[in-house]
Protein backbone atom coordinates (compact mmCIF):
# COMPACT_ATOMS: atom_id res chain seq x y z
CA MET A 1 -2.72 3.50 -17.23
CA SER A 2 -4.76 0.12 -17.34
CA LEU A 3 -5.38 -1.62 -14.13
CA THR A 4 -4.96 -5.45 -13.90
CA PHE A 5 -7.63 -7.63 -12.36
CA HIS A 6 -6.91 -11.36 -11.33
CA TRP A 7 -9.74 -13.85 -9.95
CA PHE A 8 -9.30 -16.91 -7.79
CA LEU A 9 -9.47 -20.65 -8.28
CA PRO A 10 -11.16 -22.27 -4.97
CA THR A 11 -9.08 -25.44 -5.04
CA ASN A 12 -10.35 -26.01 -1.47
CA GLY A 13 -14.01 -26.06 -2.59
CA ASP A 14 -16.75 -23.39 -3.26
CA SER A 15 -20.08 -22.48 -1.89
CA ARG A 16 -22.89 -19.82 -1.50
CA HIS A 17 -21.18 -19.56 2.07
CA VAL A 18 -17.63 -18.63 3.04
CA VAL A 19 -15.30 -21.81 2.79
CA GLY A 20 -12.62 -21.23 5.19
CA GLY A 21 -9.08 -22.46 5.39
CA GLY A 22 -5.36 -21.24 5.19
CA HIS A 23 -2.65 -20.36 7.54
CA GLY A 24 -2.61 -23.75 9.44
CA THR A 25 -6.50 -23.95 9.71
CA PRO A 26 -8.48 -26.70 7.92
CA ALA A 27 -11.07 -25.76 5.27
CA THR A 28 -14.49 -25.55 7.07
CA ALA A 29 -16.77 -28.49 6.19
CA SER A 30 -19.74 -26.68 6.32
CA GLY A 31 -20.87 -25.03 3.04
CA ARG A 32 -18.57 -26.87 0.72
CA ASP A 33 -21.12 -27.50 -1.85
CA ARG A 34 -19.09 -27.41 -5.02
CA PRO A 35 -16.10 -29.58 -4.73
CA PRO A 36 -12.90 -28.41 -6.62
CA THR A 37 -13.39 -30.66 -9.57
CA VAL A 38 -11.46 -29.69 -12.83
CA ALA A 39 -14.81 -29.07 -14.71
CA TYR A 40 -16.07 -26.69 -12.11
CA LEU A 41 -12.66 -24.86 -11.77
CA SER A 42 -12.58 -24.60 -15.66
CA GLN A 43 -15.99 -22.97 -15.57
CA ILE A 44 -14.72 -20.22 -13.42
CA ALA A 45 -11.41 -19.98 -15.45
CA ARG A 46 -13.33 -19.56 -18.74
CA ALA A 47 -15.86 -17.04 -17.22
CA ALA A 48 -12.86 -15.11 -15.67
CA GLU A 49 -11.07 -15.02 -19.06
CA ASP A 50 -14.31 -13.83 -20.97
CA LEU A 51 -14.88 -11.10 -18.41
CA GLY A 52 -11.26 -9.73 -18.78
CA PHE A 53 -9.33 -11.19 -15.67
CA VAL A 54 -5.82 -11.66 -16.76
CA GLY A 55 -5.15 -14.34 -14.31
CA ALA A 56 -6.27 -16.43 -11.42
CA LEU A 57 -4.57 -17.18 -8.18
CA THR A 58 -4.52 -20.77 -6.94
CA PRO A 59 -3.48 -21.18 -3.29
CA THR A 60 -1.06 -23.59 -1.83
CA GLY A 61 -1.36 -25.62 1.53
CA ALA A 62 -2.55 -28.82 3.04
CA TRP A 63 -6.11 -27.34 2.99
CA CYS A 64 -6.50 -27.35 -0.89
CA GLU A 65 -5.60 -29.18 -3.97
CA ASP A 66 -2.16 -28.90 -5.40
CA ALA A 67 -1.82 -25.68 -7.33
CA TRP A 68 0.66 -27.04 -9.93
CA LEU A 69 -1.14 -29.99 -10.90
CA THR A 70 -4.51 -28.39 -10.75
CA THR A 71 -3.66 -25.43 -12.93
CA ALA A 72 -1.85 -27.76 -15.49
CA MET A 73 -5.10 -29.46 -15.89
CA VAL A 74 -7.36 -26.65 -15.98
CA SER A 75 -5.11 -24.75 -18.45
CA GLN A 76 -6.12 -27.22 -21.07
CA ASN A 77 -9.80 -26.11 -20.80
CA SER A 78 -9.16 -22.37 -21.17
CA GLU A 79 -7.29 -20.36 -23.69
CA ARG A 80 -5.89 -17.07 -22.54
CA LEU A 81 -6.22 -16.90 -18.68
CA LYS A 82 -2.77 -16.97 -16.72
CA PHE A 83 -2.59 -18.93 -13.56
CA LEU A 84 -0.93 -17.25 -10.58
CA VAL A 85 0.29 -20.51 -9.12
CA ALA A 86 1.21 -20.10 -5.37
CA PHE A 87 4.02 -22.33 -4.22
CA ARG A 88 6.47 -22.93 -1.24
CA PRO A 89 10.10 -22.91 -2.27
CA GLY A 90 11.13 -25.21 0.62
CA PHE A 91 9.15 -28.15 -0.83
CA VAL A 92 11.10 -28.56 -4.30
CA SER A 93 14.70 -27.92 -5.45
CA PRO A 94 15.14 -24.59 -7.19
CA THR A 95 16.34 -26.26 -10.33
CA LEU A 96 13.34 -28.55 -10.54
CA ALA A 97 11.01 -25.42 -9.89
CA ALA A 98 12.85 -23.48 -12.82
CA GLN A 99 12.34 -26.52 -15.07
CA MET A 100 8.59 -27.07 -13.97
CA ALA A 101 7.88 -23.40 -14.95
CA SER A 102 9.80 -23.49 -18.16
CA THR A 103 7.63 -26.59 -18.97
CA PHE A 104 4.49 -24.71 -17.94
CA GLN A 105 5.31 -21.95 -20.14
CA ARG A 106 5.76 -23.89 -23.31
CA GLN A 107 2.79 -26.21 -22.70
CA THR A 108 0.40 -23.46 -21.96
CA GLY A 109 1.61 -20.67 -24.40
CA GLY A 110 3.10 -18.40 -21.51
CA ARG A 111 0.16 -18.39 -18.97
CA LEU A 112 2.30 -18.97 -15.71
CA LEU A 113 2.85 -16.22 -13.00
CA LEU A 114 4.42 -17.49 -9.65
CA ASN A 115 3.31 -16.50 -6.17
CA VAL A 116 6.10 -17.57 -3.90
CA VAL A 117 4.81 -18.21 -0.37
CA THR A 118 7.49 -18.82 1.97
CA GLY A 119 5.23 -20.29 4.74
CA GLY A 120 4.29 -18.53 8.08
CA GLU A 121 3.17 -21.51 10.01
CA SER A 122 5.94 -23.89 11.24
CA HIS A 123 3.77 -26.68 12.35
CA GLU A 124 2.42 -26.96 8.72
CA GLN A 125 5.72 -26.75 7.29
CA ARG A 126 7.04 -29.47 9.53
CA ALA A 127 4.24 -31.79 8.12
CA TYR A 128 5.85 -31.37 4.68
CA GLY A 129 9.47 -32.27 6.22
CA ASP A 130 10.53 -28.65 6.61
CA PHE A 131 12.02 -27.82 10.07
CA LEU A 132 13.56 -24.49 9.44
CA ASP A 133 12.30 -21.31 11.50
CA LYS A 134 10.47 -18.48 9.87
CA ASP A 135 13.37 -16.18 9.22
CA ASP A 136 15.49 -19.23 7.90
CA ARG A 137 12.71 -20.08 5.50
CA TYR A 138 12.84 -16.56 4.20
CA ARG A 139 16.63 -16.68 4.08
CA ARG A 140 16.21 -19.88 1.91
CA THR A 141 13.37 -18.22 -0.25
CA GLY A 142 16.07 -15.56 -0.99
CA GLU A 143 18.62 -18.24 -2.35
CA PHE A 144 16.02 -19.98 -4.15
CA LEU A 145 14.86 -17.05 -6.05
CA GLU A 146 18.64 -16.28 -6.97
CA VAL A 147 19.17 -19.80 -8.46
CA VAL A 148 15.73 -19.73 -10.31
CA ARG A 149 16.32 -16.39 -11.90
CA GLU A 150 19.71 -17.05 -12.86
CA LEU A 151 18.63 -20.35 -14.51
CA TRP A 152 15.71 -18.40 -16.50
CA ASP A 153 18.49 -16.26 -17.90
CA GLY A 154 20.14 -19.13 -19.22
CA LYS A 155 22.93 -19.26 -16.88
CA SER A 156 24.90 -22.09 -15.41
CA VAL A 157 24.49 -22.01 -11.58
CA ASP A 158 26.85 -22.99 -8.76
CA LEU A 159 25.74 -21.78 -5.16
CA VAL A 160 26.90 -22.83 -1.85
CA GLY A 161 24.47 -20.97 0.34
CA GLU A 162 23.23 -21.16 3.95
CA HIS A 163 20.23 -23.60 3.16
CA LEU A 164 20.53 -24.41 -0.42
CA ARG A 165 23.42 -25.89 -2.79
CA VAL A 166 23.36 -26.54 -6.49
CA GLU A 167 26.25 -27.50 -8.56
CA ASP A 168 26.51 -27.02 -12.41
CA ALA A 169 22.64 -26.37 -12.44
CA ARG A 170 21.36 -25.42 -15.92
CA LEU A 171 18.17 -25.59 -18.09
CA ALA A 172 18.11 -27.28 -21.32
CA ARG A 173 15.30 -24.75 -22.40
CA VAL A 174 14.56 -21.55 -20.70
CA PRO A 175 11.02 -20.33 -20.42
CA ASP A 176 9.71 -17.70 -22.81
CA PRO A 177 8.38 -15.64 -21.42
CA VAL A 178 9.96 -15.62 -18.02
CA PRO A 179 7.27 -15.76 -15.41
CA GLU A 180 6.74 -12.81 -13.40
CA VAL A 181 7.17 -13.43 -9.57
CA TYR A 182 4.51 -12.23 -6.96
CA PHE A 183 5.26 -12.25 -3.36
CA GLY A 184 4.02 -10.90 0.00
CA GLY A 185 5.22 -10.49 3.61
CA SER A 186 5.02 -7.78 6.22
CA SER A 187 7.97 -8.76 8.30
CA PRO A 188 11.24 -6.83 7.87
CA ILE A 189 13.02 -9.99 6.36
CA ALA A 190 10.08 -10.38 3.87
CA GLY A 191 10.63 -6.71 2.91
CA GLU A 192 14.21 -7.49 1.89
CA ILE A 193 13.44 -10.47 -0.07
CA ALA A 194 10.81 -8.68 -2.08
CA ALA A 195 13.09 -5.73 -2.67
CA ARG A 196 15.73 -7.82 -4.06
CA HIS A 197 13.87 -10.62 -6.01
CA VAL A 198 10.24 -10.20 -6.94
CA ASP A 199 8.30 -8.28 -9.69
CA VAL A 200 4.90 -7.74 -7.87
CA TYR A 201 4.64 -7.20 -4.07
CA LEU A 202 1.13 -8.23 -2.89
CA THR A 203 -0.43 -7.13 0.32
CA TRP A 204 -3.63 -8.17 1.95
CA GLY A 205 -6.70 -5.84 1.93
CA GLU A 206 -5.85 -3.39 4.70
CA PRO A 207 -7.28 -0.02 4.95
CA PRO A 208 -5.60 2.50 2.38
CA ALA A 209 -3.51 4.30 5.10
CA GLN A 210 -1.93 1.05 6.03
CA VAL A 211 -1.30 -0.05 2.57
CA ALA A 212 0.20 3.41 1.57
CA GLU A 213 2.92 2.72 4.40
CA LYS A 214 3.52 -0.82 3.05
CA ILE A 215 4.11 0.65 -0.59
CA GLU A 216 6.46 3.44 0.77
CA TRP A 217 8.35 0.79 2.78
CA ILE A 218 8.83 -1.53 -0.18
CA ARG A 219 9.56 1.07 -2.46
CA GLY A 220 12.26 2.55 -0.30
CA LEU A 221 13.99 -0.86 0.10
CA ALA A 222 13.70 -1.72 -3.44
CA ALA A 223 15.37 1.69 -4.46
CA ARG A 224 18.49 0.57 -2.39
CA HIS A 225 18.99 -2.15 -4.77
CA GLY A 226 18.23 -0.09 -7.87
CA ARG A 227 14.80 -1.94 -8.59
CA THR A 228 11.32 -0.85 -9.20
CA LEU A 229 8.50 -3.12 -8.09
CA ARG A 230 4.73 -3.11 -9.15
CA PHE A 231 2.29 -3.41 -6.23
CA GLY A 232 -0.86 -5.56 -5.87
CA ILE A 233 -3.44 -6.14 -3.31
CA ARG A 234 -5.64 -9.38 -2.56
CA LEU A 235 -9.18 -8.91 -1.59
CA HIS A 236 -12.58 -10.57 -1.73
CA VAL A 237 -15.39 -8.63 -2.97
CA ILE A 238 -19.14 -8.31 -2.78
CA THR A 239 -20.82 -5.92 -5.47
CA ARG A 240 -24.35 -5.28 -6.34
CA ASP A 241 -26.59 -2.95 -8.22
CA THR A 242 -27.29 -1.13 -4.88
CA SER A 243 -25.30 -0.85 -1.67
CA ALA A 244 -28.21 -1.96 0.35
CA GLN A 245 -28.14 -5.50 -1.73
CA ALA A 246 -24.32 -5.81 -1.22
CA TRP A 247 -24.51 -5.29 2.52
CA ALA A 248 -27.48 -7.57 2.82
CA GLU A 249 -25.40 -10.26 1.20
CA ALA A 250 -22.47 -9.77 3.44
CA GLU A 251 -25.03 -9.92 6.46
CA ARG A 252 -26.17 -13.18 4.99
CA LEU A 253 -22.53 -14.59 4.86
CA LEU A 254 -22.03 -13.28 8.55
CA ALA A 255 -25.21 -15.08 9.79
CA GLY A 256 -23.86 -18.34 8.53
CA PHE A 257 -20.64 -18.11 10.66
CA ASP A 258 -21.15 -20.72 13.36
CA PRO A 259 -19.98 -19.40 16.68
CA GLN A 260 -17.94 -22.34 17.56
CA THR A 261 -16.23 -22.35 14.11
CA VAL A 262 -15.25 -18.82 14.57
CA ALA A 263 -13.77 -19.37 17.90
CA SER A 264 -11.92 -22.33 16.62
CA VAL A 265 -10.47 -20.61 13.67
CA GLN A 266 -9.66 -17.55 15.59
CA ALA A 267 -7.84 -19.75 18.16
CA GLY A 268 -5.93 -21.22 15.55
CA LEU A 269 -4.78 -18.05 13.61
CA ALA A 270 -3.72 -16.44 16.93
CA ARG A 271 -0.89 -18.98 16.94
CA SER A 272 0.26 -17.96 13.48
CA GLU A 273 3.77 -16.80 12.95
CA SER A 274 2.74 -14.39 10.11
CA GLU A 275 3.17 -10.76 10.66
CA GLY A 276 0.49 -10.39 7.74
CA GLN A 277 -2.06 -12.51 9.67
CA ARG A 278 -1.55 -10.74 12.84
CA ARG A 279 -2.31 -7.52 11.09
CA MET A 280 -5.50 -9.30 9.55
CA LEU A 281 -6.66 -10.32 12.91
CA ALA A 282 -6.22 -6.83 14.41
CA LEU A 283 -8.65 -5.46 12.04
CA HIS A 284 -11.53 -7.35 13.46
CA GLY A 285 -10.26 -8.56 16.83
CA GLY A 286 -12.42 -11.81 16.58
CA SER A 287 -15.62 -9.64 17.06
CA ARG A 288 -18.78 -9.52 14.79
CA ASP A 289 -18.99 -5.83 15.67
CA GLY A 290 -17.44 -2.70 13.72
CA LEU A 291 -16.56 -4.96 10.77
CA GLU A 292 -16.68 -2.12 8.19
CA ILE A 293 -13.23 -0.77 8.99
CA HIS A 294 -12.87 1.72 6.29
CA PRO A 295 -15.88 2.83 3.85
CA ASN A 296 -16.98 -0.43 1.98
CA LEU A 297 -14.00 -2.32 3.38
CA TRP A 298 -15.46 -5.22 5.50
CA ALA A 299 -13.39 -7.52 7.78
CA GLY A 300 -15.95 -10.21 8.21
CA ILE A 301 -14.41 -12.98 5.97
CA GLY A 302 -11.43 -13.19 8.38
CA LEU A 303 -13.64 -14.45 11.17
CA VAL A 304 -13.61 -17.99 9.62
CA ARG A 305 -10.55 -17.55 6.99
CA GLY A 306 -6.99 -17.54 7.28
CA GLY A 307 -4.94 -15.02 4.92
CA ALA A 308 -6.98 -12.57 2.98
CA GLY A 309 -9.82 -11.64 5.34
CA THR A 310 -11.33 -8.53 3.96
CA ALA A 311 -13.78 -7.72 1.16
CA LEU A 312 -14.93 -4.74 -0.91
CA VAL A 313 -18.67 -4.39 -0.21
CA GLY A 314 -21.09 -1.79 -1.90
CA SER A 315 -22.78 -0.95 -5.02
CA HIS A 316 -20.72 -1.38 -8.33
CA GLU A 317 -19.94 2.60 -8.17
CA GLU A 318 -18.92 2.39 -4.64
CA VAL A 319 -16.71 -0.63 -5.29
CA ALA A 320 -15.13 1.31 -8.22
CA GLU A 321 -14.54 4.34 -6.03
CA ARG A 322 -12.41 2.24 -3.53
CA ILE A 323 -10.45 0.66 -6.57
CA ARG A 324 -9.80 4.04 -7.71
CA GLU A 325 -8.59 4.89 -4.07
CA TYR A 326 -6.23 2.02 -3.95
CA ALA A 327 -4.68 2.78 -7.46
CA ALA A 328 -4.16 6.45 -6.35
CA LEU A 329 -1.80 5.01 -3.79
CA GLY A 330 0.17 2.78 -6.55
CA ILE A 331 -1.92 -0.41 -6.46
CA GLU A 332 -1.66 -1.71 -10.08
CA GLU A 333 -3.02 -5.33 -9.72
CA PHE A 334 -6.20 -6.62 -7.84
CA VAL A 335 -6.28 -10.19 -7.08
CA LEU A 336 -10.08 -10.88 -6.11
CA SER A 337 -12.39 -13.52 -5.07
CA GLY A 338 -15.97 -13.99 -3.84
CA TYR A 339 -18.44 -16.77 -2.90
CA PRO A 340 -19.50 -18.38 -4.88
CA HIS A 341 -16.45 -17.66 -7.23
CA LEU A 342 -18.42 -18.33 -10.65
CA GLU A 343 -21.21 -16.07 -9.81
CA GLU A 344 -19.23 -13.39 -7.91
CA ALA A 345 -16.96 -13.07 -11.17
CA TYR A 346 -19.85 -12.05 -13.19
CA TRP A 347 -21.06 -9.50 -10.62
CA PHE A 348 -17.81 -7.72 -10.66
CA GLY A 349 -17.13 -8.25 -14.31
CA GLU A 350 -20.34 -7.02 -15.58
CA GLY A 351 -21.00 -4.34 -12.85
CA VAL A 352 -17.56 -2.74 -12.02
CA LEU A 353 -15.29 -3.16 -14.74
CA PRO A 354 -17.43 -1.26 -17.49
CA ARG A 355 -17.23 1.66 -15.02
CA LEU A 356 -13.28 1.56 -14.70
CA ALA A 357 -13.28 1.16 -18.57
CA ALA A 358 -15.52 4.22 -19.30
CA GLU A 359 -12.89 6.31 -17.16
CA GLY A 360 -9.90 4.81 -19.04
CA LEU A 361 -8.66 2.92 -15.84
CA TRP A 362 -9.11 -0.62 -17.52
CA ARG A 363 -9.61 -2.13 -20.83
CA HIS A 364 -10.27 -5.80 -21.72
CA PRO A 365 -6.75 -7.59 -22.20
CA PHE A 366 -8.28 -10.03 -24.62
CA LEU A 367 -10.08 -7.82 -26.93
CA PRO A 368 -8.79 -5.32 -29.67
CA GLU A 369 -8.43 -1.56 -28.51
CA ALA A 370 -11.94 -0.25 -28.65
CA ALA A 371 -14.28 2.40 -27.31
CA PRO A 372 -14.99 1.83 -23.49
CA SER A 373 -18.66 0.61 -24.32
CA ALA A 374 -17.34 -2.19 -26.23
CA GLN A 375 -14.67 -3.49 -24.05
CA VAL A 376 -16.86 -5.62 -21.80
CA PRO A 377 -18.88 -8.22 -23.74
CA PHE A 378 -21.58 -8.35 -21.03
CA ALA A 379 -21.55 -4.75 -19.95
CA SER A 380 -25.01 -3.28 -19.25
């Protein structure tokens, strides 16, 4: 088994401090020292593909740059890295989305992955002209994916659904390869949509016991539809040569959290309709105390950032051990990030990946099959 690792493109800006945002909260202005220019994001993309990350997640929302446009531009400055483009199905017709994906595949040599984000915040959805409630948004997502997948299969589609309607829809050219669909959600209806339509179910970085429960839940739902899914996890990471160095970096980030910013972000996130966000908030309760919620799993990021709010913190060997722990549960893909994203990609790629390669848990996806010591160009 070879685990798959993805990195992150910070299209809301980057810094040596945590840049917040997401789930209806704005990107925090302090510390946005590196604007999300195509030049800087391309630096990150090139570093990620050199180090052996398969893809890079690009977020969606009012707090960041548009994911489709940004990745289309960055793709021209990289060669092999795939782009896990987050998008909201309520903002574009399924036929147009299927066509956009098909074009992206042809123009990039098949480097598109899709992260379907239904949208957990009604007030943010309304700003884009979407007035459905949360459950209806999920039902619409199911109809959307039904249309898109049939179009990608080369079929002509007619659908009169509860929320979507298309007539005689077809693509002149289908994508090759068909993009894989990634999706996350912790509510009952989200589980049903995942079981029926997606390739990879993503969870945020909860403690292993909670992740195991989610995997069992989704596996059971998918089995009822005769389907098998892969599983991934979204985490930040702070990995250093020693555990003390890593935790010192976590403490440095924590010290930079302004109390007023924490209070404002937590108040905003408390209004979230997302079950996944509720689970993230429960891990820290808004407190700076007791943030190591499982060995090497730190919930501090979630004090100032919506969405993924936990980080793996420790020595390279400790972080590798936590990855082994999640992999033993059935997690095959890891979507990682760190502040700043350029430097942290190298810390992880040079420190953790060689250890996993030596055990046969990972190999560089862009290099020929080789001995573990030769699989990471910058291994030390």
